[in-house]
Amino acid sequence: MTSERHTVGTQLSFALYGAANRMARLHKPFLEPLGLTFPQYLAILELLDGAPLSVGTLGARLDMDTGTITPLVKRLEGLASSRAPAIRPTNAACWST
C-alpha cells in the first residue's frame, strides 16, 4: 500500500475553491467601476434572465441561503434606486426588469 499525502493543494475542493476565486478576481476590474460584487453580478444576470423572481427563488437559483441572498438583494435595491432604473424592485419579495 502506498502512502499518499493529503495536503490541501491536492484536494479537489481546494482546486474548485481556487477556480471560483480566480473567476471573481477576473470579473473585478469590470464590476468595481459599477459598484458591483461578483455575487451581485450573478444575481443581476439571473434577474435579467427571468424576472420577476421571489427572493427565495433567486437564492435557490444562485445556491445561496436566505442569510446570504437577503442582504445582497437589499444592496441591489439601493443601487437600483440610485443608478440602475432599468432594474427595480416591485416589492420586498419580487424583482422585475
PDB file of N, CA and C in Angstrom:
ATOM      1  N   MET A   1       0.835  -1.182   0.000  1.00  0.00           N
ATOM      2  CA  MET A   1       0.000   0.000   0.000  1.00  0.00           C
ATOM      3  C   MET A   1       0.884   1.251   0.000  1.00  0.00           C
ATOM      4  N   THR A   2       0.603   2.155  -0.911  1.00  0.00           N
ATOM      5  CA  THR A   2       1.397   3.372  -0.981  1.00  0.00           C
ATOM      6  C   THR A   2       0.789   4.430  -0.081  1.00  0.00           C
ATOM      7  N   SER A   3       1.630   5.246   0.423  1.00  0.00           N
ATOM      8  CA  SER A   3       1.177   6.319   1.309  1.00  0.00           C
ATOM      9  C   SER A   3       1.035   7.599   0.484  1.00  0.00           C
ATOM     10  N   GLU A   4      -0.147   8.149   0.483  1.00  0.00           N
ATOM     11  CA  GLU A   4      -0.395   9.403  -0.231  1.00  0.00           C
ATOM     12  C   GLU A   4      -0.500  10.538   0.768  1.00  0.00           C
ATOM     13  N   ARG A   5       0.060  11.645   0.386  1.00  0.00           N
ATOM     14  CA  ARG A   5      -0.076  12.837   1.241  1.00  0.00           C
ATOM     15  C   ARG A   5      -1.394  13.508   0.922  1.00  0.00           C
ATOM     16  N   HIS A   6      -2.104  13.841   1.932  1.00  0.00           N
ATOM     17  CA  HIS A   6      -3.391  14.523   1.768  1.00  0.00           C
ATOM     18  C   HIS A   6      -3.228  15.992   2.147  1.00  0.00           C
ATOM     19  N   THR A   7      -2.485  16.707   1.332  1.00  0.00           N
ATOM     20  CA  THR A   7      -2.302  18.126   1.573  1.00  0.00           C
ATOM     21  C   THR A   7      -3.440  18.897   0.919  1.00  0.00           C
ATOM     22  N   VAL A   8      -3.633  20.082   1.387  1.00  0.00           N
ATOM     23  CA  VAL A   8      -4.720  20.916   0.870  1.00  0.00           C
ATOM     24  C   VAL A   8      -4.596  21.094  -0.642  1.00  0.00           C
ATOM     25  N   GLY A   9      -3.394  21.298  -1.138  1.00  0.00           N
ATOM     26  CA  GLY A   9      -3.184  21.556  -2.556  1.00  0.00           C
ATOM     27  C   GLY A   9      -3.528  20.401  -3.471  1.00  0.00           C
ATOM     28  N   THR A  10      -3.676  19.205  -2.931  1.00  0.00           N
ATOM     29  CA  THR A  10      -4.004  18.057  -3.770  1.00  0.00           C
ATOM     30  C   THR A  10      -5.487  17.708  -3.732  1.00  0.00           C
ATOM     31  N   GLN A  11      -6.258  18.417  -2.979  1.00  0.00           N
ATOM     32  CA  GLN A  11      -7.680  18.120  -2.831  1.00  0.00           C
ATOM     33  C   GLN A  11      -8.499  18.813  -3.932  1.00  0.00           C
ATOM     34  N   LEU A  12      -9.498  18.113  -4.460  1.00  0.00           N
ATOM     35  CA  LEU A  12     -10.379  18.680  -5.484  1.00  0.00           C
ATOM     36  C   LEU A  12     -11.090  19.920  -4.954  1.00  0.00           C
ATOM     37  N   SER A  13     -11.520  19.885  -3.713  1.00  0.00           N
ATOM     38  CA  SER A  13     -12.235  21.032  -3.152  1.00  0.00           C
ATOM     39  C   SER A  13     -11.356  22.282  -3.156  1.00  0.00           C
ATOM     40  N   PHE A  14     -10.057  22.132  -2.935  1.00  0.00           N
ATOM     41  CA  PHE A  14      -9.144  23.273  -2.978  1.00  0.00           C
ATOM     42  C   PHE A  14      -9.048  23.827  -4.396  1.00  0.00           C
ATOM     43  N   ALA A  15      -8.985  22.944  -5.373  1.00  0.00           N
ATOM     44  CA  ALA A  15      -8.916  23.379  -6.772  1.00  0.00           C
ATOM     45  C   ALA A  15     -10.182  24.140  -7.169  1.00  0.00           C
ATOM     46  N   LEU A  16     -11.333  23.655  -6.746  1.00  0.00           N
ATOM     47  CA  LEU A  16     -12.597  24.331  -7.058  1.00  0.00           C
ATOM     48  C   LEU A  16     -12.680  25.682  -6.357  1.00  0.00           C
ATOM     49  N   TYR A  17     -12.245  25.726  -5.113  1.00  0.00           N
ATOM     50  CA  TYR A  17     -12.222  26.982  -4.355  1.00  0.00           C
ATOM     51  C   TYR A  17     -11.324  27.995  -5.058  1.00  0.00           C
ATOM     52  N   GLY A  18     -10.154  27.552  -5.480  1.00  0.00           N
ATOM     53  CA  GLY A  18      -9.231  28.436  -6.187  1.00  0.00           C
ATOM     54  C   GLY A  18      -9.799  28.929  -7.505  1.00  0.00           C
ATOM     55  N   ALA A  19     -10.463  28.044  -8.243  1.00  0.00           N
ATOM     56  CA  ALA A  19     -11.067  28.435  -9.525  1.00  0.00           C
ATOM     57  C   ALA A  19     -12.166  29.470  -9.318  1.00  0.00           C
ATOM     58  N   ALA A  20     -12.977  29.282  -8.297  1.00  0.00           N
ATOM     59  CA  ALA A  20     -14.051  30.244  -8.003  1.00  0.00           C
ATOM     60  C   ALA A  20     -13.462  31.610  -7.650  1.00  0.00           C
ATOM     61  N   ASN A  21     -12.406  31.619  -6.853  1.00  0.00           N
ATOM     62  CA  ASN A  21     -11.764  32.889  -6.505  1.00  0.00           C
ATOM     63  C   ASN A  21     -11.152  33.563  -7.730  1.00  0.00           C
ATOM     64  N   ARG A  22     -10.543  32.776  -8.610  1.00  0.00           N
ATOM     65  CA  ARG A  22      -9.976  33.351  -9.829  1.00  0.00           C
ATOM     66  C   ARG A  22     -11.057  33.976 -10.707  1.00  0.00           C
ATOM     67  N   MET A  23     -12.202  33.324 -10.812  1.00  0.00           N
ATOM     68  CA  MET A  23     -13.300  33.885 -11.617  1.00  0.00           C
ATOM     69  C   MET A  23     -13.752  35.224 -11.044  1.00  0.00           C
ATOM     70  N   ALA A  24     -13.897  35.291  -9.740  1.00  0.00           N
ATOM     71  CA  ALA A  24     -14.310  36.544  -9.108  1.00  0.00           C
ATOM     72  C   ALA A  24     -13.262  37.631  -9.349  1.00  0.00           C
ATOM     73  N   ARG A  25     -11.982  37.289  -9.231  1.00  0.00           N
ATOM     74  CA  ARG A  25     -10.922  38.274  -9.460  1.00  0.00           C
ATOM     75  C   ARG A  25     -10.877  38.728 -10.920  1.00  0.00           C
ATOM     76  N   LEU A  26     -11.142  37.831 -11.860  1.00  0.00           N
ATOM     77  CA  LEU A  26     -11.154  38.205 -13.278  1.00  0.00           C
ATOM     78  C   LEU A  26     -12.269  39.205 -13.590  1.00  0.00           C
ATOM     79  N   HIS A  27     -13.384  39.091 -12.904  1.00  0.00           N
ATOM     80  CA  HIS A  27     -14.513  39.994 -13.144  1.00  0.00           C
ATOM     81  C   HIS A  27     -14.369  41.328 -12.409  1.00  0.00           C
ATOM     82  N   LYS A  28     -13.552  41.362 -11.361  1.00  0.00           N
ATOM     83  CA  LYS A  28     -13.471  42.542 -10.506  1.00  0.00           C
ATOM     84  C   LYS A  28     -13.169  43.842 -11.256  1.00  0.00           C
ATOM     85  N   PRO A  29     -12.205  43.881 -12.194  1.00  0.00           N
ATOM     86  CA  PRO A  29     -11.932  45.149 -12.885  1.00  0.00           C
ATOM     87  C   PRO A  29     -13.129  45.689 -13.669  1.00  0.00           C
ATOM     88  N   PHE A  30     -14.012  44.818 -14.093  1.00  0.00           N
ATOM     89  CA  PHE A  30     -15.191  45.245 -14.844  1.00  0.00           C
ATOM     90  C   PHE A  30     -16.343  45.634 -13.923  1.00  0.00           C
ATOM     91  N   LEU A  31     -16.439  44.981 -12.777  1.00  0.00           N
ATOM     92  CA  LEU A  31     -17.550  45.203 -11.868  1.00  0.00           C
ATOM     93  C   LEU A  31     -17.308  46.340 -10.890  1.00  0.00           C
ATOM     94  N   GLU A  32     -16.066  46.528 -10.495  1.00  0.00           N
ATOM     95  CA  GLU A  32     -15.754  47.545  -9.492  1.00  0.00           C
ATOM     96  C   GLU A  32     -16.201  48.951  -9.898  1.00  0.00           C
ATOM     97  N   PRO A  33     -15.974  49.386 -11.152  1.00  0.00           N
ATOM     98  CA  PRO A  33     -16.453  50.723 -11.533  1.00  0.00           C
ATOM     99  C   PRO A  33     -17.976  50.857 -11.460  1.00  0.00           C
ATOM    100  N   LEU A  34     -18.675  49.744 -11.545  1.00  0.00           N
ATOM    101  CA  LEU A  34     -20.134  49.762 -11.454  1.00  0.00           C
ATOM    102  C   LEU A  34     -20.624  49.654 -10.011  1.00  0.00           C
ATOM    103  N   GLY A  35     -19.699  49.444  -9.097  1.00  0.00           N
ATOM    104  CA  GLY A  35     -20.071  49.295  -7.693  1.00  0.00           C
ATOM    105  C   GLY A  35     -20.694  47.950  -7.385  1.00  0.00           C
ATOM    106  N   LEU A  36     -20.384  46.944  -8.198  1.00  0.00           N
ATOM    107  CA  LEU A  36     -20.972  45.620  -8.026  1.00  0.00           C
ATOM    108  C   LEU A  36     -19.943  44.607  -7.555  1.00  0.00           C
ATOM    109  N   THR A  37     -20.416  43.644  -6.775  1.00  0.00           N
ATOM    110  CA  THR A  37     -19.605  42.489  -6.417  1.00  0.00           C
ATOM    111  C   THR A  37     -19.945  41.363  -7.393  1.00  0.00           C
ATOM    112  N   PHE A  38     -19.128  40.322  -7.390  1.00  0.00           N
ATOM    113  CA  PHE A  38     -19.396  39.189  -8.270  1.00  0.00           C
ATOM    114  C   PHE A  38     -20.742  38.523  -7.939  1.00  0.00           C
ATOM    115  N   PRO A  39     -21.077  38.286  -6.669  1.00  0.00           N
ATOM    116  CA  PRO A  39     -22.400  37.715  -6.376  1.00  0.00           C
ATOM    117  C   PRO A  39     -23.555  38.620  -6.827  1.00  0.00           C
ATOM    118  N   GLN A  40     -23.389  39.937  -6.700  1.00  0.00           N
ATOM    119  CA  GLN A  40     -24.428  40.853  -7.182  1.00  0.00           C
ATOM    120  C   GLN A  40     -24.568  40.753  -8.695  1.00  0.00           C
ATOM    121  N   TYR A  41     -23.453  40.642  -9.386  1.00  0.00           N
ATOM    122  CA  TYR A  41     -23.461  40.482 -10.840  1.00  0.00           C
ATOM    123  C   TYR A  41     -24.217  39.211 -11.229  1.00  0.00           C
ATOM    124  N   LEU A  42     -23.949  38.116 -10.536  1.00  0.00           N
ATOM    125  CA  LEU A  42     -24.656  36.865 -10.820  1.00  0.00           C
ATOM    126  C   LEU A  42     -26.155  37.018 -10.583  1.00  0.00           C
ATOM    127  N   ALA A  43     -26.517  37.729  -9.523  1.00  0.00           N
ATOM    128  CA  ALA A  43     -27.941  37.952  -9.243  1.00  0.00           C
ATOM    129  C   ALA A  43     -28.582  38.769 -10.359  1.00  0.00           C
ATOM    130  N   ILE A  44     -27.908  39.797 -10.829  1.00  0.00           N
ATOM    131  CA  ILE A  44     -28.447  40.614 -11.916  1.00  0.00           C
ATOM    132  C   ILE A  44     -28.609  39.780 -13.181  1.00  0.00           C
ATOM    133  N   LEU A  45     -27.622  38.951 -13.495  1.00  0.00           N
ATOM    134  CA  LEU A  45     -27.748  38.074 -14.666  1.00  0.00           C
ATOM    135  C   LEU A  45     -28.968  37.177 -14.544  1.00  0.00           C
ATOM    136  N   GLU A  46     -29.185  36.637 -13.365  1.00  0.00           N
ATOM    137  CA  GLU A  46     -30.334  35.758 -13.150  1.00  0.00           C
ATOM    138  C   GLU A  46     -31.640  36.537 -13.275  1.00  0.00           C
ATOM    139  N   LEU A  47     -31.666  37.751 -12.753  1.00  0.00           N
ATOM    140  CA  LEU A  47     -32.872  38.575 -12.854  1.00  0.00           C
ATOM    141  C   LEU A  47     -33.160  38.968 -14.302  1.00  0.00           C
ATOM    142  N   LEU A  48     -32.127  39.259 -15.051  1.00  0.00           N
ATOM    143  CA  LEU A  48     -32.329  39.608 -16.452  1.00  0.00           C
ATOM    144  C   LEU A  48     -32.846  38.428 -17.259  1.00  0.00           C
ATOM    145  N   ASP A  49     -32.530  37.235 -16.802  1.00  0.00           N
ATOM    146  CA  ASP A  49     -32.960  36.023 -17.491  1.00  0.00           C
ATOM    147  C   ASP A  49     -34.387  35.625 -17.153  1.00  0.00           C
ATOM    148  N   GLY A  50     -34.904  36.034 -15.992  1.00  0.00           N
ATOM    149  CA  GLY A  50     -36.221  35.537 -15.643  1.00  0.00           C
ATOM    150  C   GLY A  50     -36.971  36.311 -14.591  1.00  0.00           C
ATOM    151  N   ALA A  51     -36.882  37.626 -14.573  1.00  0.00           N
ATOM    152  CA  ALA A  51     -37.622  38.410 -13.589  1.00  0.00           C
ATOM    153  C   ALA A  51     -39.078  38.503 -14.008  1.00  0.00           C
ATOM    154  N   PRO A  52     -40.016  38.672 -13.109  1.00  0.00           N
ATOM    155  CA  PRO A  52     -39.796  38.836 -11.676  1.00  0.00           C
ATOM    156  C   PRO A  52     -39.550  37.498 -10.979  1.00  0.00           C
ATOM    157  N   LEU A  53     -38.734  37.556  -9.934  1.00  0.00           N
ATOM    158  CA  LEU A  53     -38.415  36.380  -9.137  1.00  0.00           C
ATOM    159  C   LEU A  53     -38.594  36.717  -7.663  1.00  0.00           C
ATOM    160  N   SER A  54     -39.041  35.763  -6.900  1.00  0.00           N
ATOM    161  CA  SER A  54     -39.054  35.966  -5.453  1.00  0.00           C
ATOM    162  C   SER A  54     -37.624  35.875  -4.951  1.00  0.00           C
ATOM    163  N   VAL A  55     -37.382  36.432  -3.780  1.00  0.00           N
ATOM    164  CA  VAL A  55     -36.055  36.362  -3.186  1.00  0.00           C
ATOM    165  C   VAL A  55     -35.670  34.905  -2.964  1.00  0.00           C
ATOM    166  N   GLY A  56     -36.613  34.083  -2.538  1.00  0.00           N
ATOM    167  CA  GLY A  56     -36.343  32.661  -2.326  1.00  0.00           C
ATOM    168  C   GLY A  56     -35.954  31.941  -3.604  1.00  0.00           C
ATOM    169  N   THR A  57     -36.652  32.235  -4.691  1.00  0.00           N
ATOM    170  CA  THR A  57     -36.338  31.616  -5.980  1.00  0.00           C
ATOM    171  C   THR A  57     -34.971  32.074  -6.472  1.00  0.00           C
ATOM    172  N   LEU A  58     -34.693  33.365  -6.332  1.00  0.00           N
ATOM    173  CA  LEU A  58     -33.387  33.887  -6.728  1.00  0.00           C
ATOM    174  C   LEU A  58     -32.281  33.207  -5.927  1.00  0.00           C
ATOM    175  N   GLY A  59     -32.478  33.082  -4.629  1.00  0.00           N
ATOM    176  CA  GLY A  59     -31.494  32.412  -3.783  1.00  0.00           C
ATOM    177  C   GLY A  59     -31.287  30.964  -4.184  1.00  0.00           C
ATOM    178  N   ALA A  60     -32.372  30.267  -4.494  1.00  0.00           N
ATOM    179  CA  ALA A  60     -32.268  28.869  -4.905  1.00  0.00           C
ATOM    180  C   ALA A  60     -31.510  28.746  -6.231  1.00  0.00           C
ATOM    181  N   ARG A  61     -31.792  29.632  -7.166  1.00  0.00           N
ATOM    182  CA  ARG A  61     -31.105  29.583  -8.461  1.00  0.00           C
ATOM    183  C   ARG A  61     -29.617  29.868  -8.336  1.00  0.00           C
ATOM    184  N   LEU A  62     -29.255  30.708  -7.376  1.00  0.00           N
ATOM    185  CA  LEU A  62     -27.852  31.046  -7.162  1.00  0.00           C
ATOM    186  C   LEU A  62     -27.203  30.159  -6.099  1.00  0.00           C
ATOM    187  N   ASP A  63     -27.968  29.240  -5.548  1.00  0.00           N
ATOM    188  CA  ASP A  63     -27.490  28.347  -4.487  1.00  0.00           C
ATOM    189  C   ASP A  63     -26.978  29.135  -3.279  1.00  0.00           C
ATOM    190  N   MET A  64     -27.768  30.159  -2.897  1.00  0.00           N
ATOM    191  CA  MET A  64     -27.441  30.983  -1.732  1.00  0.00           C
ATOM    192  C   MET A  64     -28.566  30.841  -0.721  1.00  0.00           C
ATOM    193  N   ASP A  65     -28.190  30.769   0.555  1.00  0.00           N
ATOM    194  CA  ASP A  65     -29.223  30.674   1.583  1.00  0.00           C
ATOM    195  C   ASP A  65     -29.817  32.054   1.854  1.00  0.00           C
ATOM    196  N   THR A  66     -30.886  32.084   2.612  1.00  0.00           N
ATOM    197  CA  THR A  66     -31.604  33.330   2.887  1.00  0.00           C
ATOM    198  C   THR A  66     -30.718  34.373   3.552  1.00  0.00           C
ATOM    199  N   GLY A  67     -29.859  33.932   4.454  1.00  0.00           N
ATOM    200  CA  GLY A  67     -28.972  34.863   5.140  1.00  0.00           C
ATOM    201  C   GLY A  67     -27.956  35.524   4.231  1.00  0.00           C
ATOM    202  N   THR A  68     -27.698  34.929   3.087  1.00  0.00           N
ATOM    203  CA  THR A  68     -26.768  35.494   2.104  1.00  0.00           C
ATOM    204  C   THR A  68     -27.496  36.313   1.057  1.00  0.00           C
ATOM    205  N   ILE A  69     -28.605  35.800   0.553  1.00  0.00           N
ATOM    206  CA  ILE A  69     -29.292  36.462  -0.563  1.00  0.00           C
ATOM    207  C   ILE A  69     -30.045  37.721  -0.119  1.00  0.00           C
ATOM    208  N   THR A  70     -30.605  37.722   1.081  1.00  0.00           N
ATOM    209  CA  THR A  70     -31.389  38.879   1.518  1.00  0.00           C
ATOM    210  C   THR A  70     -30.556  40.151   1.589  1.00  0.00           C
ATOM    211  N   PRO A  71     -29.378  40.155   2.243  1.00  0.00           N
ATOM    212  CA  PRO A  71     -28.571  41.388   2.241  1.00  0.00           C
ATOM    213  C   PRO A  71     -28.108  41.778   0.833  1.00  0.00           C
ATOM    214  N   LEU A  72     -27.831  40.796  -0.007  1.00  0.00           N
ATOM    215  CA  LEU A  72     -27.423  41.065  -1.379  1.00  0.00           C
ATOM    216  C   LEU A  72     -28.539  41.788  -2.127  1.00  0.00           C
ATOM    217  N   VAL A  73     -29.765  41.308  -1.976  1.00  0.00           N
ATOM    218  CA  VAL A  73     -30.914  41.940  -2.642  1.00  0.00           C
ATOM    219  C   VAL A  73     -31.133  43.347  -2.094  1.00  0.00           C
ATOM    220  N   LYS A  74     -30.955  43.526  -0.791  1.00  0.00           N
ATOM    221  CA  LYS A  74     -31.117  44.864  -0.203  1.00  0.00           C
ATOM    222  C   LYS A  74     -30.101  45.846  -0.800  1.00  0.00           C
ATOM    223  N   ARG A  75     -28.850  45.386  -0.980  1.00  0.00           N
ATOM    224  CA  ARG A  75     -27.839  46.256  -1.590  1.00  0.00           C
ATOM    225  C   ARG A  75     -28.192  46.564  -3.041  1.00  0.00           C
ATOM    226  N   LEU A  76     -28.710  45.573  -3.763  1.00  0.00           N
ATOM    227  CA  LEU A  76     -29.122  45.809  -5.151  1.00  0.00           C
ATOM    228  C   LEU A  76     -30.292  46.781  -5.218  1.00  0.00           C
ATOM    229  N   GLU A  77     -31.196  46.705  -4.255  1.00  0.00           N
ATOM    230  CA  GLU A  77     -32.312  47.658  -4.216  1.00  0.00           C
ATOM    231  C   GLU A  77     -31.780  49.084  -4.106  1.00  0.00           C
ATOM    232  N   GLY A  78     -30.763  49.282  -3.260  1.00  0.00           N
ATOM    233  CA  GLY A  78     -30.156  50.603  -3.116  1.00  0.00           C
ATOM    234  C   GLY A  78     -29.504  51.068  -4.398  1.00  0.00           C
ATOM    235  N   LEU A  79     -28.806  50.168  -5.060  1.00  0.00           N
ATOM    236  CA  LEU A  79     -28.197  50.512  -6.344  1.00  0.00           C
ATOM    237  C   LEU A  79     -29.252  50.805  -7.396  1.00  0.00           C
ATOM    238  N   ALA A  80     -30.305  50.007  -7.406  1.00  0.00           N
ATOM    239  CA  ALA A  80     -31.357  50.162  -8.415  1.00  0.00           C
ATOM    240  C   ALA A  80     -32.043  51.511  -8.283  1.00  0.00           C
ATOM    241  N   SER A  81     -32.254  51.945  -7.061  1.00  0.00           N
ATOM    242  CA  SER A  81     -32.965  53.211  -6.881  1.00  0.00           C
ATOM    243  C   SER A  81     -32.100  54.411  -7.239  1.00  0.00           C
ATOM    244  N   SER A  82     -30.786  54.249  -7.153  1.00  0.00           N
ATOM    245  CA  SER A  82     -29.928  55.401  -7.412  1.00  0.00           C
ATOM    246  C   SER A  82     -29.224  55.383  -8.768  1.00  0.00           C
ATOM    247  N   ARG A  83     -28.978  54.164  -9.337  1.00  0.00           N
ATOM    248  CA  ARG A  83     -28.139  54.141 -10.529  1.00  0.00           C
ATOM    249  C   ARG A  83     -28.605  53.247 -11.654  1.00  0.00           C
ATOM    250  N   ALA A  84     -29.553  52.373 -11.437  1.00  0.00           N
ATOM    251  CA  ALA A  84     -29.951  51.427 -12.480  1.00  0.00           C
ATOM    252  C   ALA A  84     -31.470  51.401 -12.619  1.00  0.00           C
ATOM    253  N   PRO A  85     -32.049  52.414 -13.237  1.00  0.00           N
ATOM    254  CA  PRO A  85     -33.504  52.480 -13.320  1.00  0.00           C
ATOM    255  C   PRO A  85     -34.144  51.338 -14.105  1.00  0.00           C
ATOM    256  N   ALA A  86     -33.390  50.619 -14.922  1.00  0.00           N
ATOM    257  CA  ALA A  86     -33.971  49.519 -15.691  1.00  0.00           C
ATOM    258  C   ALA A  86     -34.206  48.279 -14.840  1.00  0.00           C
ATOM    259  N   ILE A  87     -33.573  48.190 -13.683  1.00  0.00           N
ATOM    260  CA  ILE A  87     -33.776  47.055 -12.781  1.00  0.00           C
ATOM    261  C   ILE A  87     -34.323  47.615 -11.480  1.00  0.00           C
ATOM    262  N   ARG A  88     -35.528  47.242 -11.142  1.00  0.00           N
ATOM    263  CA  ARG A  88     -36.169  47.837  -9.979  1.00  0.00           C
ATOM    264  C   ARG A  88     -36.967  46.801  -9.200  1.00  0.00           C
ATOM    265  N   PRO A  89     -36.993  46.935  -7.875  1.00  0.00           N
ATOM    266  CA  PRO A  89     -37.816  46.021  -7.088  1.00  0.00           C
ATOM    267  C   PRO A  89     -39.288  46.368  -7.253  1.00  0.00           C
ATOM    268  N   THR A  90     -40.136  45.353  -7.391  1.00  0.00           N
ATOM    269  CA  THR A  90     -41.573  45.593  -7.471  1.00  0.00           C
ATOM    270  C   THR A  90     -42.202  45.543  -6.086  1.00  0.00           C
ATOM    271  N   ASN A  91     -41.607  44.796  -5.179  1.00  0.00           N
ATOM    272  CA  ASN A  91     -41.970  44.781  -3.774  1.00  0.00           C
ATOM    273  C   ASN A  91     -40.845  44.095  -3.027  1.00  0.00           C
ATOM    274  N   ALA A  92     -40.999  43.850  -1.748  1.00  0.00           N
ATOM    275  CA  ALA A  92     -39.922  43.263  -0.957  1.00  0.00           C
ATOM    276  C   ALA A  92     -39.566  41.845  -1.390  1.00  0.00           C
ATOM    277  N   ALA A  93     -40.470  41.153  -2.064  1.00  0.00           N
ATOM    278  CA  ALA A  93     -40.223  39.753  -2.384  1.00  0.00           C
ATOM    279  C   ALA A  93     -39.955  39.494  -3.855  1.00  0.00           C
ATOM    280  N   CYS A  94     -40.218  40.426  -4.747  1.00  0.00           N
ATOM    281  CA  CYS A  94     -40.080  40.166  -6.188  1.00  0.00           C
ATOM    282  C   CYS A  94     -39.272  41.258  -6.869  1.00  0.00           C
ATOM    283  N   TRP A  95     -38.623  40.897  -7.947  1.00  0.00           N
ATOM    284  CA  TRP A  95     -37.869  41.831  -8.769  1.00  0.00           C
ATOM    285  C   TRP A  95     -38.356  41.753 -10.188  1.00  0.00           C
ATOM    286  N   SER A  96     -38.276  42.843 -10.902  1.00  0.00           N
ATOM    287  CA  SER A  96     -38.620  42.825 -12.325  1.00  0.00           C
ATOM    288  C   SER A  96     -37.573  43.641 -13.072  1.00  0.00           C
ATOM    289  N   THR A  97     -37.545  43.440 -14.385  1.00  0.00           N
ATOM    290  CA  THR A  97     -36.623  44.217 -15.219  1.00  0.00           C
ATOM    291  C   THR A  97     -37.428  45.084 -16.155  1.00  0.00           C
TER     292      THR A  97
END
